[in-house]
Amino acid sequence: INVDGPEAVRIIVQDKELNQIEERISELGATLIATQQ
């Protein structure tokens, strides 16, 4: 709406944090399956 380029760049950069959370979910879930069956 504001055609705010710097804010857009910030949004792009912070996406890696979301990917890291997904990786933590994958690791935790895999551990639960392996150890708790």
PDB file of all heavy atoms in Angstrom:
ATOM      1  N   ILE A   1       0.832  -1.204   0.000  1.00  0.00           N
ATOM      2  CA  ILE A   1       0.000   0.000   0.000  1.00  0.00           C
ATOM      3  C   ILE A   1       0.870   1.259   0.000  1.00  0.00           C
ATOM      4  O   ILE A   1       0.577   2.240  -0.694  1.00  0.00           O
ATOM      5  CB  ILE A   1      -0.948   0.003   1.223  1.00  0.00           C
ATOM      6  CG1 ILE A   1      -2.006  -1.111   1.077  1.00  0.00           C
ATOM      7  CG2 ILE A   1      -1.631   1.359   1.387  1.00  0.00           C
ATOM      8  CD1 ILE A   1      -2.819  -1.347   2.336  1.00  0.00           C
ATOM      9  N   ASN A   2       1.957   1.204   0.769  1.00  0.00           N
ATOM     10  CA  ASN A   2       2.841   2.371   0.894  1.00  0.00           C
ATOM     11  C   ASN A   2       4.001   2.347  -0.103  1.00  0.00           C
ATOM     12  O   ASN A   2       4.818   3.279  -0.116  1.00  0.00           O
ATOM     13  CB  ASN A   2       3.406   2.435   2.315  1.00  0.00           C
ATOM     14  CG  ASN A   2       2.329   2.646   3.367  1.00  0.00           C
ATOM     15  OD1 ASN A   2       1.365   3.355   3.131  1.00  0.00           O
ATOM     16  ND2 ASN A   2       2.491   2.021   4.520  1.00  0.00           N
ATOM     17  N   VAL A   3       4.067   1.278  -0.927  1.00  0.00           N
ATOM     18  CA  VAL A   3       5.196   1.050  -1.835  1.00  0.00           C
ATOM     19  C   VAL A   3       6.506   1.294  -1.073  1.00  0.00           C
ATOM     20  O   VAL A   3       7.358   2.091  -1.474  1.00  0.00           O
ATOM     21  CB  VAL A   3       5.103   1.935  -3.099  1.00  0.00           C
ATOM     22  CG1 VAL A   3       6.033   1.387  -4.186  1.00  0.00           C
ATOM     23  CG2 VAL A   3       3.681   2.005  -3.646  1.00  0.00           C
ATOM     24  N   ASP A   4       6.632   0.593   0.038  1.00  0.00           N
ATOM     25  CA  ASP A   4       7.737   0.781   0.984  1.00  0.00           C
ATOM     26  C   ASP A   4       8.807  -0.286   0.740  1.00  0.00           C
ATOM     27  O   ASP A   4       8.744  -1.395   1.290  1.00  0.00           O
ATOM     28  CB  ASP A   4       7.188   0.694   2.406  1.00  0.00           C
ATOM     29  CG  ASP A   4       8.223   1.046   3.466  1.00  0.00           C
ATOM     30  OD1 ASP A   4       9.430   1.001   3.160  1.00  0.00           O
ATOM     31  OD2 ASP A   4       7.819   1.350   4.605  1.00  0.00           O
ATOM     32  N   GLY A   5       9.796   0.061  -0.074  1.00  0.00           N
ATOM     33  CA  GLY A   5      10.838  -0.884  -0.429  1.00  0.00           C
ATOM     34  C   GLY A   5      11.663  -1.384   0.749  1.00  0.00           C
ATOM     35  O   GLY A   5      11.868  -2.591   0.890  1.00  0.00           O
ATOM     36  N   PRO A   6      12.148  -0.498   1.625  1.00  0.00           N
ATOM     37  CA  PRO A   6      12.937  -0.963   2.768  1.00  0.00           C
ATOM     38  C   PRO A   6      12.176  -1.941   3.673  1.00  0.00           C
ATOM     39  O   PRO A   6      12.744  -2.918   4.159  1.00  0.00           O
ATOM     40  CB  PRO A   6      13.276   0.343   3.511  1.00  0.00           C
ATOM     41  CG  PRO A   6      13.273   1.382   2.424  1.00  0.00           C
ATOM     42  CD  PRO A   6      12.178   0.979   1.488  1.00  0.00           C
ATOM     43  N   GLU A   7      10.898  -1.661   3.907  1.00  0.00           N
ATOM     44  CA  GLU A   7      10.087  -2.581   4.711  1.00  0.00           C
ATOM     45  C   GLU A   7       9.950  -3.927   4.005  1.00  0.00           C
ATOM     46  O   GLU A   7       9.996  -4.986   4.643  1.00  0.00           O
ATOM     47  CB  GLU A   7       8.701  -1.974   4.970  1.00  0.00           C
ATOM     48  CG  GLU A   7       7.707  -2.913   5.638  1.00  0.00           C
ATOM     49  CD  GLU A   7       8.075  -3.307   7.059  1.00  0.00           C
ATOM     50  OE1 GLU A   7       9.072  -2.788   7.601  1.00  0.00           O
ATOM     51  OE2 GLU A   7       7.360  -4.150   7.636  1.00  0.00           O
ATOM     52  N   ALA A   8       9.799  -3.893   2.693  1.00  0.00           N
ATOM     53  CA  ALA A   8       9.688  -5.129   1.919  1.00  0.00           C
ATOM     54  C   ALA A   8      10.956  -5.969   2.044  1.00  0.00           C
ATOM     55  O   ALA A   8      10.898  -7.194   2.207  1.00  0.00           O
ATOM     56  CB  ALA A   8       9.407  -4.812   0.449  1.00  0.00           C
ATOM     57  N   VAL A   9      12.093  -5.309   1.999  1.00  0.00           N
ATOM     58  CA  VAL A   9      13.371  -6.020   2.144  1.00  0.00           C
ATOM     59  C   VAL A   9      13.464  -6.668   3.522  1.00  0.00           C
ATOM     60  O   VAL A   9      13.937  -7.805   3.665  1.00  0.00           O
ATOM     61  CB  VAL A   9      14.555  -5.056   1.916  1.00  0.00           C
ATOM     62  CG1 VAL A   9      15.869  -5.730   2.288  1.00  0.00           C
ATOM     63  CG2 VAL A   9      14.584  -4.589   0.460  1.00  0.00           C
ATOM     64  N   ARG A  10      13.003  -5.969   4.552  1.00  0.00           N
ATOM     65  CA  ARG A  10      13.023  -6.528   5.908  1.00  0.00           C
ATOM     66  C   ARG A  10      12.182  -7.796   5.983  1.00  0.00           C
ATOM     67  O   ARG A  10      12.574  -8.793   6.612  1.00  0.00           O
ATOM     68  CB  ARG A  10      12.501  -5.495   6.914  1.00  0.00           C
ATOM     69  CG  ARG A  10      12.624  -5.934   8.373  1.00  0.00           C
ATOM     70  CD  ARG A  10      11.851  -5.010   9.302  1.00  0.00           C
ATOM     71  NE  ARG A  10      10.422  -5.064   9.061  1.00  0.00           N
ATOM     72  CZ  ARG A  10       9.634  -6.030   9.521  1.00  0.00           C
ATOM     73  NH1 ARG A  10      10.134  -7.039  10.220  1.00  0.00           N
ATOM     74  NH2 ARG A  10       8.334  -6.016   9.271  1.00  0.00           N
ATOM     75  N   ILE A  11      11.011  -7.783   5.336  1.00  0.00           N
ATOM     76  CA  ILE A  11      10.130  -8.948   5.330  1.00  0.00           C
ATOM     77  C   ILE A  11      10.817 -10.131   4.648  1.00  0.00           C
ATOM     78  O   ILE A  11      10.723 -11.275   5.111  1.00  0.00           O
ATOM     79  CB  ILE A  11       8.805  -8.593   4.620  1.00  0.00           C
ATOM     80  CG1 ILE A  11       8.005  -7.590   5.453  1.00  0.00           C
ATOM     81  CG2 ILE A  11       7.971  -9.851   4.354  1.00  0.00           C
ATOM     82  CD1 ILE A  11       6.862  -6.935   4.716  1.00  0.00           C
ATOM     83  N   ILE A  12      11.500  -9.848   3.564  1.00  0.00           N
ATOM     84  CA  ILE A  12      12.204 -10.911   2.825  1.00  0.00           C
ATOM     85  C   ILE A  12      13.288 -11.540   3.695  1.00  0.00           C
ATOM     86  O   ILE A  12      13.412 -12.767   3.768  1.00  0.00           O
ATOM     87  CB  ILE A  12      12.805 -10.340   1.524  1.00  0.00           C
ATOM     88  CG1 ILE A  12      11.692  -9.910   0.557  1.00  0.00           C
ATOM     89  CG2 ILE A  12      13.718 -11.362   0.861  1.00  0.00           C
ATOM     90  CD1 ILE A  12      12.168  -9.065  -0.609  1.00  0.00           C
ATOM     91  N   VAL A  13      14.045 -10.699   4.389  1.00  0.00           N
ATOM     92  CA  VAL A  13      15.170 -11.183   5.199  1.00  0.00           C
ATOM     93  C   VAL A  13      14.686 -12.022   6.382  1.00  0.00           C
ATOM     94  O   VAL A  13      15.277 -13.059   6.715  1.00  0.00           O
ATOM     95  CB  VAL A  13      16.026  -9.998   5.696  1.00  0.00           C
ATOM     96  CG1 VAL A  13      17.046 -10.459   6.720  1.00  0.00           C
ATOM     97  CG2 VAL A  13      16.711  -9.319   4.519  1.00  0.00           C
ATOM     98  N   GLN A  14      13.587 -11.599   7.009  1.00  0.00           N
ATOM     99  CA  GLN A  14      13.151 -12.282   8.229  1.00  0.00           C
ATOM    100  C   GLN A  14      12.490 -13.633   7.943  1.00  0.00           C
ATOM    101  O   GLN A  14      12.242 -14.413   8.870  1.00  0.00           O
ATOM    102  CB  GLN A  14      12.186 -11.398   9.025  1.00  0.00           C
ATOM    103  CG  GLN A  14      10.784 -11.300   8.448  1.00  0.00           C
ATOM    104  CD  GLN A  14       9.847 -10.449   9.289  1.00  0.00           C
ATOM    105  OE1 GLN A  14      10.271  -9.778  10.230  1.00  0.00           O
ATOM    106  NE2 GLN A  14       8.572 -10.471   8.972  1.00  0.00           N
ATOM    107  N   ASP A  15      12.252 -13.961   6.675  1.00  0.00           N
ATOM    108  CA  ASP A  15      11.607 -15.230   6.344  1.00  0.00           C
ATOM    109  C   ASP A  15      12.439 -16.427   6.795  1.00  0.00           C
ATOM    110  O   ASP A  15      11.900 -17.492   7.078  1.00  0.00           O
ATOM    111  CB  ASP A  15      11.340 -15.310   4.835  1.00  0.00           C
ATOM    112  CG  ASP A  15      10.629 -16.603   4.439  1.00  0.00           C
ATOM    113  OD1 ASP A  15       9.499 -16.825   4.897  1.00  0.00           O
ATOM    114  OD2 ASP A  15      11.223 -17.384   3.689  1.00  0.00           O
ATOM    115  N   LYS A  16      13.755 -16.259   6.871  1.00  0.00           N
ATOM    116  CA  LYS A  16      14.617 -17.378   7.262  1.00  0.00           C
ATOM    117  C   LYS A  16      14.280 -17.867   8.672  1.00  0.00           C
ATOM    118  O   LYS A  16      14.474 -19.046   8.995  1.00  0.00           O
ATOM    119  CB  LYS A  16      16.086 -16.983   7.169  1.00  0.00           C
ATOM    120  CG  LYS A  16      16.521 -15.898   8.128  1.00  0.00           C
ATOM    121  CD  LYS A  16      18.001 -15.556   7.947  1.00  0.00           C
ATOM    122  CE  LYS A  16      18.433 -14.460   8.924  1.00  0.00           C
ATOM    123  NZ  LYS A  16      19.851 -14.079   8.734  1.00  0.00           N
ATOM    124  N   GLU A  17      13.752 -16.974   9.520  1.00  0.00           N
ATOM    125  CA  GLU A  17      13.382 -17.365  10.878  1.00  0.00           C
ATOM    126  C   GLU A  17      12.227 -18.364  10.854  1.00  0.00           C
ATOM    127  O   GLU A  17      12.184 -19.298  11.656  1.00  0.00           O
ATOM    128  CB  GLU A  17      13.005 -16.133  11.695  1.00  0.00           C
ATOM    129  CG  GLU A  17      14.148 -15.139  11.873  1.00  0.00           C
ATOM    130  CD  GLU A  17      13.706 -13.849  12.520  1.00  0.00           C
ATOM    131  OE1 GLU A  17      12.524 -13.762  12.934  1.00  0.00           O
ATOM    132  OE2 GLU A  17      14.522 -12.911  12.626  1.00  0.00           O
ATOM    133  N   LEU A  18      11.301 -18.176   9.919  1.00  0.00           N
ATOM    134  CA  LEU A  18      10.184 -19.103   9.775  1.00  0.00           C
ATOM    135  C   LEU A  18      10.688 -20.479   9.330  1.00  0.00           C
ATOM    136  O   LEU A  18      10.232 -21.520   9.830  1.00  0.00           O
ATOM    137  CB  LEU A  18       9.171 -18.551   8.771  1.00  0.00           C
ATOM    138  CG  LEU A  18       7.777 -19.179   8.782  1.00  0.00           C
ATOM    139  CD1 LEU A  18       7.040 -18.838  10.067  1.00  0.00           C
ATOM    140  CD2 LEU A  18       6.979 -18.712   7.575  1.00  0.00           C
ATOM    141  N   ASN A  19      11.621 -20.472   8.413  1.00  0.00           N
ATOM    142  CA  ASN A  19      12.188 -21.736   7.934  1.00  0.00           C
ATOM    143  C   ASN A  19      12.889 -22.483   9.068  1.00  0.00           C
ATOM    144  O   ASN A  19      12.835 -23.722   9.134  1.00  0.00           O
ATOM    145  CB  ASN A  19      13.179 -21.471   6.793  1.00  0.00           C
ATOM    146  CG  ASN A  19      12.518 -20.851   5.579  1.00  0.00           C
ATOM    147  OD1 ASN A  19      11.320 -20.996   5.371  1.00  0.00           O
ATOM    148  ND2 ASN A  19      13.291 -20.149   4.777  1.00  0.00           N
ATOM    149  N   GLN A  20      13.529 -21.745   9.949  1.00  0.00           N
ATOM    150  CA  GLN A  20      14.218 -22.373  11.074  1.00  0.00           C
ATOM    151  C   GLN A  20      13.236 -23.039  12.033  1.00  0.00           C
ATOM    152  O   GLN A  20      13.521 -24.115  12.574  1.00  0.00           O
ATOM    153  CB  GLN A  20      15.058 -21.317  11.809  1.00  0.00           C
ATOM    154  CG  GLN A  20      16.262 -20.833  11.006  1.00  0.00           C
ATOM    155  CD  GLN A  20      16.930 -19.607  11.613  1.00  0.00           C
ATOM    156  OE1 GLN A  20      16.409 -18.998  12.551  1.00  0.00           O
ATOM    157  NE2 GLN A  20      18.082 -19.225  11.071  1.00  0.00           N
ATOM    158  N   ILE A  21      12.077 -22.421  12.233  1.00  0.00           N
ATOM    159  CA  ILE A  21      11.065 -23.027  13.102  1.00  0.00           C
ATOM    160  C   ILE A  21      10.535 -24.315  12.472  1.00  0.00           C
ATOM    161  O   ILE A  21      10.335 -25.325  13.164  1.00  0.00           O
ATOM    162  CB  ILE A  21       9.907 -22.048  13.377  1.00  0.00           C
ATOM    163  CG1 ILE A  21      10.422 -20.790  14.071  1.00  0.00           C
ATOM    164  CG2 ILE A  21       8.838 -22.720  14.249  1.00  0.00           C
ATOM    165  CD1 ILE A  21       9.381 -19.710  14.243  1.00  0.00           C
ATOM    166  N   GLU A  22      10.321 -24.300  11.156  1.00  0.00           N
ATOM    167  CA  GLU A  22       9.871 -25.521  10.485  1.00  0.00           C
ATOM    168  C   GLU A  22      10.886 -26.646  10.677  1.00  0.00           C
ATOM    169  O   GLU A  22      10.515 -27.806  10.905  1.00  0.00           O
ATOM    170  CB  GLU A  22       9.639 -25.273   8.997  1.00  0.00           C
ATOM    171  CG  GLU A  22       9.051 -26.504   8.297  1.00  0.00           C
ATOM    172  CD  GLU A  22       9.080 -26.421   6.789  1.00  0.00           C
ATOM    173  OE1 GLU A  22       9.792 -25.576   6.251  1.00  0.00           O
ATOM    174  OE2 GLU A  22       8.394 -27.253   6.150  1.00  0.00           O
ATOM    175  N   GLU A  23      12.174 -26.311  10.599  1.00  0.00           N
ATOM    176  CA  GLU A  23      13.219 -27.323  10.796  1.00  0.00           C
ATOM    177  C   GLU A  23      13.170 -27.889  12.218  1.00  0.00           C
ATOM    178  O   GLU A  23      13.352 -29.100  12.416  1.00  0.00           O
ATOM    179  CB  GLU A  23      14.594 -26.708  10.522  1.00  0.00           C
ATOM    180  CG  GLU A  23      14.840 -26.390   9.053  1.00  0.00           C
ATOM    181  CD  GLU A  23      16.136 -25.627   8.827  1.00  0.00           C
ATOM    182  OE1 GLU A  23      16.881 -25.427   9.820  1.00  0.00           O
ATOM    183  OE2 GLU A  23      16.397 -25.229   7.678  1.00  0.00           O
ATOM    184  N   ARG A  24      12.899 -27.034  13.189  1.00  0.00           N
ATOM    185  CA  ARG A  24      12.796 -27.500  14.575  1.00  0.00           C
ATOM    186  C   ARG A  24      11.614 -28.448  14.739  1.00  0.00           C
ATOM    187  O   ARG A  24      11.706 -29.452  15.465  1.00  0.00           O
ATOM    188  CB  ARG A  24      12.647 -26.298  15.523  1.00  0.00           C
ATOM    189  CG  ARG A  24      13.929 -25.486  15.680  1.00  0.00           C
ATOM    190  CD  ARG A  24      13.664 -24.154  16.360  1.00  0.00           C
ATOM    191  NE  ARG A  24      13.089 -24.294  17.681  1.00  0.00           N
ATOM    192  CZ  ARG A  24      12.551 -23.292  18.367  1.00  0.00           C
ATOM    193  NH1 ARG A  24      12.504 -22.077  17.827  1.00  0.00           N
ATOM    194  NH2 ARG A  24      12.059 -23.487  19.572  1.00  0.00           N
ATOM    195  N   ILE A  25      10.512 -28.154  14.062  1.00  0.00           N
ATOM    196  CA  ILE A  25       9.346 -29.038  14.114  1.00  0.00           C
ATOM    197  C   ILE A  25       9.679 -30.394  13.508  1.00  0.00           C
ATOM    198  O   ILE A  25       9.329 -31.449  14.055  1.00  0.00           O
ATOM    199  CB  ILE A  25       8.148 -28.383  13.394  1.00  0.00           C
ATOM    200  CG1 ILE A  25       7.632 -27.195  14.212  1.00  0.00           C
ATOM    201  CG2 ILE A  25       7.025 -29.392  13.148  1.00  0.00           C
ATOM    202  CD1 ILE A  25       6.612 -26.343  13.499  1.00  0.00           C
ATOM    203  N   SER A  26      10.370 -30.379  12.386  1.00  0.00           N
ATOM    204  CA  SER A  26      10.758 -31.636  11.731  1.00  0.00           C
ATOM    205  C   SER A  26      11.664 -32.474  12.624  1.00  0.00           C
ATOM    206  O   SER A  26      11.487 -33.688  12.759  1.00  0.00           O
ATOM    207  CB  SER A  26      11.459 -31.347  10.395  1.00  0.00           C
ATOM    208  OG  SER A  26      10.588 -30.701   9.490  1.00  0.00           O
ATOM    209  N   GLU A  27      12.626 -31.812  13.239  1.00  0.00           N
ATOM    210  CA  GLU A  27      13.575 -32.521  14.105  1.00  0.00           C
ATOM    211  C   GLU A  27      12.879 -33.091  15.339  1.00  0.00           C
ATOM    212  O   GLU A  27      13.102 -34.247  15.719  1.00  0.00           O
ATOM    213  CB  GLU A  27      14.706 -31.578  14.516  1.00  0.00           C
ATOM    214  CG  GLU A  27      15.619 -31.179  13.364  1.00  0.00           C
ATOM    215  CD  GLU A  27      16.555 -30.041  13.727  1.00  0.00           C
ATOM    216  OE1 GLU A  27      16.488 -29.569  14.892  1.00  0.00           O
ATOM    217  OE2 GLU A  27      17.343 -29.620  12.852  1.00  0.00           O
ATOM    218  N   LEU A  28      12.021 -32.283  15.966  1.00  0.00           N
ATOM    219  CA  LEU A  28      11.320 -32.729  17.167  1.00  0.00           C
ATOM    220  C   LEU A  28      10.373 -33.879  16.849  1.00  0.00           C
ATOM    221  O   LEU A  28      10.329 -34.880  17.571  1.00  0.00           O
ATOM    222  CB  LEU A  28      10.547 -31.560  17.796  1.00  0.00           C
ATOM    223  CG  LEU A  28       9.692 -31.873  19.022  1.00  0.00           C
ATOM    224  CD1 LEU A  28      10.535 -32.514  20.123  1.00  0.00           C
ATOM    225  CD2 LEU A  28       9.018 -30.606  19.541  1.00  0.00           C
ATOM    226  N   GLY A  29       9.626 -33.743  15.746  1.00  0.00           N
ATOM    227  CA  GLY A  29       8.701 -34.799  15.366  1.00  0.00           C
ATOM    228  C   GLY A  29       9.415 -36.101  15.056  1.00  0.00           C
ATOM    229  O   GLY A  29       8.974 -37.192  15.457  1.00  0.00           O
ATOM    230  N   ALA A  30      10.529 -36.003  14.348  1.00  0.00           N
ATOM    231  CA  ALA A  30      11.304 -37.201  13.997  1.00  0.00           C
ATOM    232  C   ALA A  30      11.834 -37.879  15.256  1.00  0.00           C
ATOM    233  O   ALA A  30      11.837 -39.117  15.360  1.00  0.00           O
ATOM    234  CB  ALA A  30      12.454 -36.824  13.076  1.00  0.00           C
ATOM    235  N   THR A  31      12.278 -37.081  16.216  1.00  0.00           N
ATOM    236  CA  THR A  31      12.773 -37.634  17.476  1.00  0.00           C
ATOM    237  C   THR A  31      11.662 -38.350  18.238  1.00  0.00           C
ATOM    238  O   THR A  31      11.874 -39.446  18.783  1.00  0.00           O
ATOM    239  CB  THR A  31      13.362 -36.508  18.361  1.00  0.00           C
ATOM    240  OG1 THR A  31      14.448 -35.901  17.668  1.00  0.00           O
ATOM    241  CG2 THR A  31      13.844 -37.060  19.695  1.00  0.00           C
ATOM    242  N   LEU A  32      10.474 -37.755  18.267  1.00  0.00           N
ATOM    243  CA  LEU A  32       9.338 -38.378  18.965  1.00  0.00           C
ATOM    244  C   LEU A  32       8.954 -39.702  18.319  1.00  0.00           C
ATOM    245  O   LEU A  32       8.670 -40.682  19.013  1.00  0.00           O
ATOM    246  CB  LEU A  32       8.137 -37.427  18.966  1.00  0.00           C
ATOM    247  CG  LEU A  32       8.229 -36.215  19.903  1.00  0.00           C
ATOM    248  CD1 LEU A  32       7.035 -35.287  19.683  1.00  0.00           C
ATOM    249  CD2 LEU A  32       8.303 -36.661  21.353  1.00  0.00           C
ATOM    250  N   ILE A  33       8.972 -39.743  16.992  1.00  0.00           N
ATOM    251  CA  ILE A  33       8.634 -40.987  16.300  1.00  0.00           C
ATOM    252  C   ILE A  33       9.679 -42.068  16.601  1.00  0.00           C
ATOM    253  O   ILE A  33       9.345 -43.224  16.870  1.00  0.00           O
ATOM    254  CB  ILE A  33       8.511 -40.750  14.787  1.00  0.00           C
ATOM    255  CG1 ILE A  33       7.262 -39.900  14.482  1.00  0.00           C
ATOM    256  CG2 ILE A  33       8.437 -42.080  14.033  1.00  0.00           C
ATOM    257  CD1 ILE A  33       7.136 -39.483  13.031  1.00  0.00           C
ATOM    258  N   ALA A  34      10.936 -41.669  16.584  1.00  0.00           N
ATOM    259  CA  ALA A  34      12.018 -42.637  16.790  1.00  0.00           C
ATOM    260  C   ALA A  34      12.065 -43.163  18.224  1.00  0.00           C
ATOM    261  O   ALA A  34      12.339 -44.348  18.450  1.00  0.00           O
ATOM    262  CB  ALA A  34      13.354 -42.001  16.425  1.00  0.00           C
ATOM    263  N   THR A  35      11.806 -42.292  19.194  1.00  0.00           N
ATOM    264  CA  THR A  35      11.979 -42.680  20.600  1.00  0.00           C
ATOM    265  C   THR A  35      10.697 -43.172  21.261  1.00  0.00           C
ATOM    266  O   THR A  35      10.746 -43.970  22.201  1.00  0.00           O
ATOM    267  CB  THR A  35      12.518 -41.500  21.421  1.00  0.00           C
ATOM    268  OG1 THR A  35      11.601 -40.401  21.351  1.00  0.00           O
ATOM    269  CG2 THR A  35      13.877 -41.059  20.893  1.00  0.00           C
ATOM    270  N   GLN A  36       9.546 -42.715  20.760  1.00  0.00           N
ATOM    271  CA  GLN A  36       8.275 -43.061  21.418  1.00  0.00           C
ATOM    272  C   GLN A  36       7.447 -44.074  20.625  1.00  0.00           C
ATOM    273  O   GLN A  36       6.531 -44.671  21.160  1.00  0.00           O
ATOM    274  CB  GLN A  36       7.441 -41.784  21.631  1.00  0.00           C
ATOM    275  CG  GLN A  36       8.168 -40.684  22.400  1.00  0.00           C
ATOM    276  CD  GLN A  36       8.425 -41.073  23.849  1.00  0.00           C
ATOM    277  OE1 GLN A  36       7.619 -41.731  24.480  1.00  0.00           O
ATOM    278  NE2 GLN A  36       9.581 -40.667  24.369  1.00  0.00           N
ATOM    279  N   GLN A  37       7.767 -44.214  19.334  1.00  0.00           N
ATOM    280  CA  GLN A  37       7.049 -45.156  18.457  1.00  0.00           C
ATOM    281  C   GLN A  37       5.522 -45.033  18.609  1.00  0.00           C
ATOM    282  O   GLN A  37       4.833 -45.997  18.946  1.00  0.00           O
ATOM    283  CB  GLN A  37       7.494 -46.588  18.744  1.00  0.00           C
ATOM    284  CG  GLN A  37       8.984 -46.801  18.474  1.00  0.00           C
ATOM    285  CD  GLN A  37       9.450 -48.205  18.782  1.00  0.00           C
ATOM    286  OE1 GLN A  37       8.905 -48.874  19.660  1.00  0.00           O
ATOM    287  NE2 GLN A  37      10.447 -48.658  18.048  1.00  0.00           N
TER     288      GLN A  37
END
